[in-house]
Amino acid sequence: MRKKSHQLQWLQVLNQRYFLTEEERETYQKLQRGYEGEKRLDQMVDEFLAPEIKSLDDLTLQYKNSVVQIDKILIVGQTICLMDMKYYQGDYVFKNNTWYIGKKILTNNIFEQIRRAARVLQNILNDNQIEMTVYGVLAFMNPNATINIVDETYETVLMFDEIPGWLLKLTDNDKSEKQSVQSVIQCYEIEPYRTTRTFDIEKIDQLRKGICCANCHHYHMTEHKYKISCTCGYSEAKLIAYSRTICEFGVLFHNQNLKFPELRKFFGENVNERFLKANLQQNFVLQKSPHSKAGYLNKGLLFDYWFEDEKEKFQKIQKRKNWKSDKSD
């Protein structure tokens, strides 16, 4: 599953419950566009790439003192295509080893990120006696952007409408086992970067309280015996709605444990305290720190990522939300 960056998760929750500064809103929109572009490329790969070619997504690798983030890796024969996705808007030109947007010179070289990642990945392969070649592919996912590459480059540069044809041309005539290569790369994988942005717990009373509808993102929710329903017509199993909201708290306050008194404030005056306590005990891990009161382990992730390994369990719970009638409510 491709995941939103931790910073994007944090800004998403803050946007739903507080307000974003102008800088935060610009960052939020930029990260959201980039995430949508990444998902679009994933769809293209699923649709156009030969099934025998292995694909690895959303990697954070550490090699010695270097840490790099990689959007996608394709293992094709004795070659590894390292893909970096950009969702730039506007008219870009690369000439004289310099990037321009209009007449403005960009201070960063867009190629450097992918070149650094390629160097790290090549060193990993070399250290493990794997004779494969790494090359970079820069994919521009905004169909409305124009990119003019004047200089010759080591990398393959693809416009949005060129990606399907490029994927279709990739063929793997080498039938050797790729699993070992994949396993070696994943040995260097670490947890993704976490945002340094935090929200002051002392300002919790300023947040929008309650359960946010997963469909319309409003707070017009009614609690029944087994489910939560919204005026937009969407309904959700109560256990999932409470767990999802606990996770949203965890994202916003990712720098501390989950504690019942603060969660009670986050849920607001309509919270079912008994159900909240039972949910914490059932689905979250209690831990004690010598420097703080007892609390529950905070992974700091949205619900779908926090409980990724329990997806089937929650899907069954969602299907059962209407098994018993709420006529008594």
Protein backbone atom coordinates (compact mmCIF):
# COMPACT_ATOMS: atom_id res chain seq x y z
CA MET A 1 0.00 0.00 0.00
CA ARG A 2 1.37 3.39 -0.97
CA LYS A 3 1.17 5.63 2.08
CA LYS A 4 0.80 9.35 2.45
CA SER A 5 3.92 10.93 3.89
CA HIS A 6 3.79 11.53 7.63
CA GLN A 7 3.81 15.28 7.07
CA LEU A 8 0.82 14.97 4.74
CA GLN A 9 -1.06 12.87 7.31
CA TRP A 10 -0.38 15.49 9.99
CA LEU A 11 -1.49 18.41 7.81
CA GLN A 12 -4.61 16.51 6.74
CA VAL A 13 -5.76 16.00 10.33
CA LEU A 14 -4.88 19.55 11.33
CA ASN A 15 -6.82 20.90 8.35
CA GLN A 16 -9.92 18.97 9.44
CA ARG A 17 -9.81 20.13 13.06
CA TYR A 18 -8.07 23.50 13.23
CA PHE A 19 -6.78 25.80 10.52
CA LEU A 20 -3.69 25.94 8.37
CA THR A 21 -1.39 28.89 7.98
CA GLU A 22 -0.72 30.04 4.43
CA GLU A 23 2.60 28.16 4.42
CA GLU A 24 0.98 25.01 5.79
CA ARG A 25 -1.83 25.17 3.23
CA GLU A 26 0.62 25.53 0.34
CA THR A 27 2.65 22.58 1.65
CA TYR A 28 -0.51 20.52 2.18
CA GLN A 29 -1.73 21.13 -1.36
CA LYS A 30 1.70 20.40 -2.83
CA LEU A 31 2.05 17.13 -0.90
CA GLN A 32 -1.51 16.08 -1.76
CA ARG A 33 -0.94 16.70 -5.49
CA GLY A 34 2.28 14.71 -5.31
CA TYR A 35 0.54 11.82 -3.57
CA GLU A 36 -2.22 11.75 -6.18
CA GLY A 37 0.46 11.71 -8.90
CA GLU A 38 2.18 8.77 -7.24
CA LYS A 39 -1.09 6.83 -7.08
CA ARG A 40 -1.71 7.59 -10.77
CA LEU A 41 1.68 6.13 -11.68
CA ASP A 42 0.91 3.06 -9.57
CA GLN A 43 -2.27 2.61 -11.63
CA MET A 44 -0.31 2.93 -14.88
CA VAL A 45 2.21 0.34 -13.71
CA ASP A 46 -0.58 -2.07 -12.80
CA GLU A 47 -2.21 -1.53 -16.20
CA PHE A 48 0.71 -1.39 -18.62
CA LEU A 49 3.73 -3.11 -17.03
CA ALA A 50 4.50 -6.74 -17.89
CA PRO A 51 3.49 -8.94 -14.92
CA GLU A 52 6.89 -10.64 -14.64
CA ILE A 53 8.62 -7.34 -13.79
CA LYS A 54 8.86 -6.75 -10.05
CA SER A 55 7.95 -3.39 -8.56
CA LEU A 56 8.85 -1.93 -5.16
CA ASP A 57 7.15 1.21 -3.92
CA ASP A 58 7.72 3.98 -1.44
CA LEU A 59 11.09 3.00 0.01
CA THR A 60 13.27 4.78 2.55
CA LEU A 61 16.75 3.25 2.43
CA GLN A 62 19.74 3.81 4.69
CA TYR A 63 23.25 3.04 3.48
CA LYS A 64 25.98 3.96 5.96
CA ASN A 65 25.29 7.64 6.75
CA SER A 66 23.06 8.29 3.73
CA VAL A 67 19.25 8.11 3.79
CA VAL A 68 17.27 8.34 0.55
CA GLN A 69 13.60 8.14 -0.36
CA ILE A 70 12.59 6.31 -3.54
CA ASP A 71 9.12 6.51 -5.10
CA LYS A 72 9.32 3.32 -7.16
CA ILE A 73 11.79 0.66 -8.26
CA LEU A 74 11.29 -1.62 -11.28
CA ILE A 75 13.52 -4.70 -11.55
CA VAL A 76 13.92 -5.42 -15.27
CA GLY A 77 16.43 -8.15 -16.17
CA GLN A 78 19.86 -6.98 -15.03
CA THR A 79 18.67 -3.38 -14.69
CA ILE A 80 16.95 -1.49 -11.90
CA CYS A 81 14.84 1.49 -12.95
CA LEU A 82 14.73 3.95 -10.09
CA MET A 83 11.72 6.23 -10.58
CA ASP A 84 11.22 9.67 -9.09
CA MET A 85 7.82 11.32 -9.59
CA LYS A 86 7.19 15.04 -9.78
CA TYR A 87 3.89 16.87 -9.99
CA TYR A 88 5.19 20.24 -11.13
CA GLN A 89 3.01 22.96 -12.59
CA GLY A 90 4.20 25.46 -15.17
CA ASP A 91 6.80 25.54 -17.92
CA TYR A 92 10.23 24.11 -17.04
CA VAL A 93 13.45 24.11 -19.04
CA PHE A 94 16.73 22.32 -18.29
CA LYS A 95 19.71 23.81 -20.10
CA ASN A 96 23.33 24.62 -19.26
CA ASN A 97 22.96 22.23 -16.31
CA THR A 98 20.39 24.60 -14.80
CA TRP A 99 16.63 24.38 -14.30
CA TYR A 100 14.41 27.31 -15.18
CA ILE A 101 10.74 28.02 -14.71
CA GLY A 102 10.02 30.82 -17.10
CA LYS A 103 13.02 33.12 -16.71
CA LYS A 104 13.53 32.24 -13.05
CA ILE A 105 16.47 30.00 -12.13
CA LEU A 106 15.67 27.24 -9.67
CA THR A 107 18.06 26.98 -6.74
CA ASN A 108 17.92 23.17 -6.70
CA ASN A 109 18.76 20.67 -9.42
CA ILE A 110 15.76 18.38 -9.83
CA PHE A 111 18.06 15.59 -11.04
CA GLU A 112 20.21 15.57 -7.91
CA GLN A 113 17.69 13.75 -5.73
CA ILE A 114 17.36 10.84 -8.13
CA ARG A 115 21.12 10.77 -8.82
CA ARG A 116 21.88 10.55 -5.11
CA ALA A 117 19.36 7.73 -4.68
CA ALA A 118 20.87 5.90 -7.68
CA ARG A 119 24.37 6.15 -6.17
CA VAL A 120 23.17 4.75 -2.87
CA LEU A 121 21.28 1.88 -4.51
CA GLN A 122 24.24 1.03 -6.77
CA ASN A 123 26.53 0.88 -3.73
CA ILE A 124 24.08 -1.47 -1.97
CA LEU A 125 24.11 -3.80 -4.97
CA ASN A 126 27.90 -3.67 -5.29
CA ASP A 127 28.42 -4.44 -1.58
CA ASN A 128 26.23 -7.51 -1.97
CA GLN A 129 27.98 -8.73 -5.14
CA ILE A 130 24.88 -8.19 -7.26
CA GLU A 131 25.85 -7.30 -10.81
CA MET A 132 23.04 -5.02 -11.85
CA THR A 133 22.92 -1.49 -13.22
CA VAL A 134 20.81 1.29 -11.75
CA TYR A 135 19.47 4.13 -13.84
CA GLY A 136 17.11 6.94 -13.02
CA VAL A 137 13.73 7.74 -14.52
CA LEU A 138 12.16 11.13 -13.86
CA ALA A 139 8.39 10.99 -14.40
CA PHE A 140 6.39 14.23 -14.58
CA MET A 141 2.84 13.39 -13.55
CA ASN A 142 1.05 16.69 -14.23
CA PRO A 143 -0.43 16.44 -17.76
CA ASN A 144 -0.63 20.23 -17.96
CA ALA A 145 3.04 20.90 -17.27
CA THR A 146 5.60 21.39 -20.04
CA ILE A 147 9.17 20.16 -19.56
CA ASN A 148 11.87 21.01 -22.08
CA ILE A 149 15.16 19.11 -21.61
CA VAL A 150 17.80 20.82 -23.75
CA ASP A 151 20.93 19.23 -22.26
CA GLU A 152 21.74 15.55 -22.58
CA THR A 153 21.10 13.71 -19.33
CA TYR A 154 21.91 10.31 -17.85
CA GLU A 155 18.30 9.87 -16.81
CA THR A 156 15.22 9.00 -18.81
CA VAL A 157 12.73 11.88 -18.61
CA LEU A 158 9.07 11.06 -19.22
CA MET A 159 6.13 13.38 -19.73
CA PHE A 160 2.77 12.20 -18.44
CA ASP A 161 1.50 10.95 -21.82
CA GLU A 162 4.79 9.11 -22.52
CA ILE A 163 4.63 6.88 -19.45
CA PRO A 164 2.22 4.17 -20.73
CA GLY A 165 4.23 3.60 -23.93
CA TRP A 166 7.49 3.45 -21.99
CA LEU A 167 6.06 0.87 -19.59
CA LEU A 168 4.74 -1.26 -22.45
CA LYS A 169 8.21 -1.39 -24.02
CA LEU A 170 9.84 -2.76 -20.87
CA THR A 171 10.45 -6.48 -21.28
CA ASP A 172 12.24 -8.92 -19.03
CA ASN A 173 14.01 -11.67 -20.97
CA ASP A 174 16.05 -12.64 -17.92
CA LYS A 175 14.11 -15.36 -16.07
CA SER A 176 16.49 -15.49 -13.10
CA GLU A 177 15.00 -15.15 -9.63
CA LYS A 178 14.50 -11.53 -8.61
CA GLN A 179 13.42 -12.28 -5.06
CA SER A 180 17.00 -12.22 -3.77
CA VAL A 181 17.54 -8.72 -5.17
CA GLN A 182 14.30 -7.55 -3.58
CA SER A 183 15.28 -9.07 -0.23
CA VAL A 184 18.70 -7.40 -0.28
CA ILE A 185 17.20 -3.97 -1.01
CA GLN A 186 14.62 -4.38 1.75
CA CYS A 187 17.38 -5.20 4.26
CA TYR A 188 18.39 -1.53 4.01
CA GLU A 189 14.85 -0.23 4.44
CA ILE A 190 14.06 1.96 7.47
CA GLU A 191 10.99 3.75 8.76
CA PRO A 192 9.99 6.78 6.64
CA TYR A 193 10.75 10.29 7.79
CA ARG A 194 8.41 11.73 10.40
CA THR A 195 7.42 15.33 10.36
CA THR A 196 8.92 17.64 12.97
CA ARG A 197 5.65 19.58 12.99
CA THR A 198 3.77 19.20 16.28
CA PHE A 199 0.63 20.57 17.90
CA ASP A 200 0.69 21.84 21.48
CA ILE A 201 -1.42 19.55 23.67
CA GLU A 202 -2.29 22.58 25.79
CA LYS A 203 -4.26 23.92 22.80
CA ILE A 204 -6.42 20.80 22.47
CA ASP A 205 -9.54 22.75 23.47
CA GLN A 206 -9.15 24.85 20.30
CA LEU A 207 -9.56 21.80 18.04
CA ARG A 208 -12.79 20.72 16.37
CA LYS A 209 -14.15 17.94 18.59
CA GLY A 210 -15.84 14.68 17.73
CA ILE A 211 -15.77 12.01 15.03
CA CYS A 212 -15.12 13.36 11.53
CA CYS A 213 -17.17 11.66 8.80
CA ALA A 214 -14.90 9.59 6.56
CA ASN A 215 -17.07 10.48 3.57
CA CYS A 216 -17.97 14.21 3.76
CA HIS A 217 -15.47 15.23 6.49
CA HIS A 218 -18.15 17.02 8.51
CA TYR A 219 -19.03 16.34 12.13
CA HIS A 220 -22.80 15.76 11.92
CA MET A 221 -22.53 12.27 13.39
CA THR A 222 -25.11 10.26 15.32
CA GLU A 223 -24.05 7.32 17.48
CA HIS A 224 -26.18 4.17 17.46
CA LYS A 225 -25.62 0.88 19.23
CA TYR A 226 -23.37 -0.67 16.60
CA LYS A 227 -22.62 2.12 14.12
CA ILE A 228 -22.06 5.84 13.59
CA SER A 229 -24.14 7.59 10.93
CA CYS A 230 -23.78 10.98 9.24
CA THR A 231 -26.36 13.31 7.72
CA CYS A 232 -24.66 12.74 4.35
CA GLY A 233 -25.95 9.15 4.43
CA TYR A 234 -22.64 7.47 5.24
CA SER A 235 -22.47 5.00 8.12
CA GLU A 236 -19.52 3.28 9.73
CA ALA A 237 -19.09 0.56 12.32
CA LYS A 238 -18.74 2.26 15.71
CA LEU A 239 -15.58 0.35 16.56
CA ILE A 240 -13.94 1.58 13.35
CA ALA A 241 -15.13 5.17 13.78
CA TYR A 242 -13.73 5.33 17.31
CA SER A 243 -10.46 3.62 16.31
CA ARG A 244 -10.05 5.92 13.30
CA THR A 245 -10.53 8.99 15.50
CA ILE A 246 -8.04 7.72 18.07
CA CYS A 247 -5.54 7.34 15.21
CA GLU A 248 -6.22 10.93 14.08
CA PHE A 249 -5.40 12.08 17.59
CA GLY A 250 -2.24 9.98 17.38
CA VAL A 251 -1.16 11.63 14.12
CA LEU A 252 -1.68 15.15 15.45
CA PHE A 253 0.07 14.42 18.76
CA HIS A 254 2.57 11.91 17.40
CA ASN A 255 5.22 12.96 19.92
CA GLN A 256 3.43 11.47 22.95
CA ASN A 257 1.51 8.42 24.12
CA LEU A 258 -2.26 8.04 23.83
CA LYS A 259 -3.94 8.92 27.12
CA PHE A 260 -7.60 8.64 27.98
CA PRO A 261 -8.19 12.13 29.49
CA GLU A 262 -6.80 13.85 26.38
CA LEU A 263 -8.66 11.50 24.02
CA ARG A 264 -11.89 12.24 25.88
CA LYS A 265 -11.39 15.96 25.16
CA PHE A 266 -10.59 15.19 21.52
CA PHE A 267 -13.86 13.25 21.10
CA GLY A 268 -15.89 16.02 22.73
CA GLU A 269 -18.88 16.09 25.04
CA ASN A 270 -20.82 13.40 23.16
CA VAL A 271 -18.12 10.77 23.63
CA ASN A 272 -19.16 7.35 24.89
CA GLU A 273 -16.49 7.07 27.58
CA ARG A 274 -17.17 3.42 28.34
CA PHE A 275 -16.86 2.45 24.67
CA LEU A 276 -13.72 4.58 24.24
CA LYS A 277 -12.01 2.86 27.18
CA ALA A 278 -13.01 -0.59 25.92
CA ASN A 279 -11.71 0.23 22.43
CA LEU A 280 -8.36 1.36 23.79
CA GLN A 281 -8.00 -1.83 25.80
CA GLN A 282 -9.06 -4.03 22.88
CA ASN A 283 -7.16 -2.52 19.94
CA PHE A 284 -4.26 -0.48 21.33
CA VAL A 285 -1.13 -1.49 23.23
CA LEU A 286 -0.79 -0.32 26.83
CA GLN A 287 2.67 0.74 27.87
CA LYS A 288 4.24 2.46 30.83
CA SER A 289 7.10 4.92 30.79
CA PRO A 290 9.18 5.68 33.86
CA HIS A 291 8.90 9.37 32.99
CA SER A 292 5.14 9.60 32.43
CA LYS A 293 1.78 8.19 33.44
CA ALA A 294 0.50 5.02 31.81
CA GLY A 295 -0.55 5.44 28.21
CA TYR A 296 -1.07 3.55 25.00
CA LEU A 297 1.53 3.14 22.26
CA ASN A 298 1.16 5.85 19.63
CA LYS A 299 2.23 4.85 16.13
CA GLY A 300 1.33 8.33 14.85
CA LEU A 301 -0.37 6.96 11.72
CA LEU A 302 -3.78 7.20 10.09
CA PHE A 303 -6.14 4.27 10.69
CA ASP A 304 -5.54 2.46 7.37
CA TYR A 305 -1.78 2.44 8.00
CA TRP A 306 -1.91 1.80 11.75
CA PHE A 307 -4.04 -1.32 11.29
CA GLU A 308 -2.72 -2.36 7.88
CA ASP A 309 -2.02 -5.89 9.15
CA GLU A 310 -5.57 -6.21 10.50
CA LYS A 311 -7.37 -5.00 7.38
CA GLU A 312 -9.50 -8.13 6.96
CA LYS A 313 -10.68 -8.00 10.57
CA PHE A 314 -11.95 -4.46 10.26
CA GLN A 315 -13.52 -5.14 6.87
CA LYS A 316 -15.59 -7.89 8.51
CA ILE A 317 -16.56 -5.53 11.32
CA GLN A 318 -17.71 -2.92 8.80
CA LYS A 319 -19.84 -5.50 6.99
CA ARG A 320 -21.45 -6.54 10.27
CA LYS A 321 -22.45 -3.03 11.33
CA ASN A 322 -26.07 -3.64 10.27
CA TRP A 323 -26.39 -7.25 11.40
CA LYS A 324 -28.29 -6.22 14.50
CA SER A 325 -30.97 -3.62 14.00
CA ASP A 326 -30.67 -0.22 15.65
CA LYS A 327 -34.45 0.04 16.05
CA SER A 328 -33.99 0.49 19.77
CA ASP A 329 -31.92 3.66 19.29
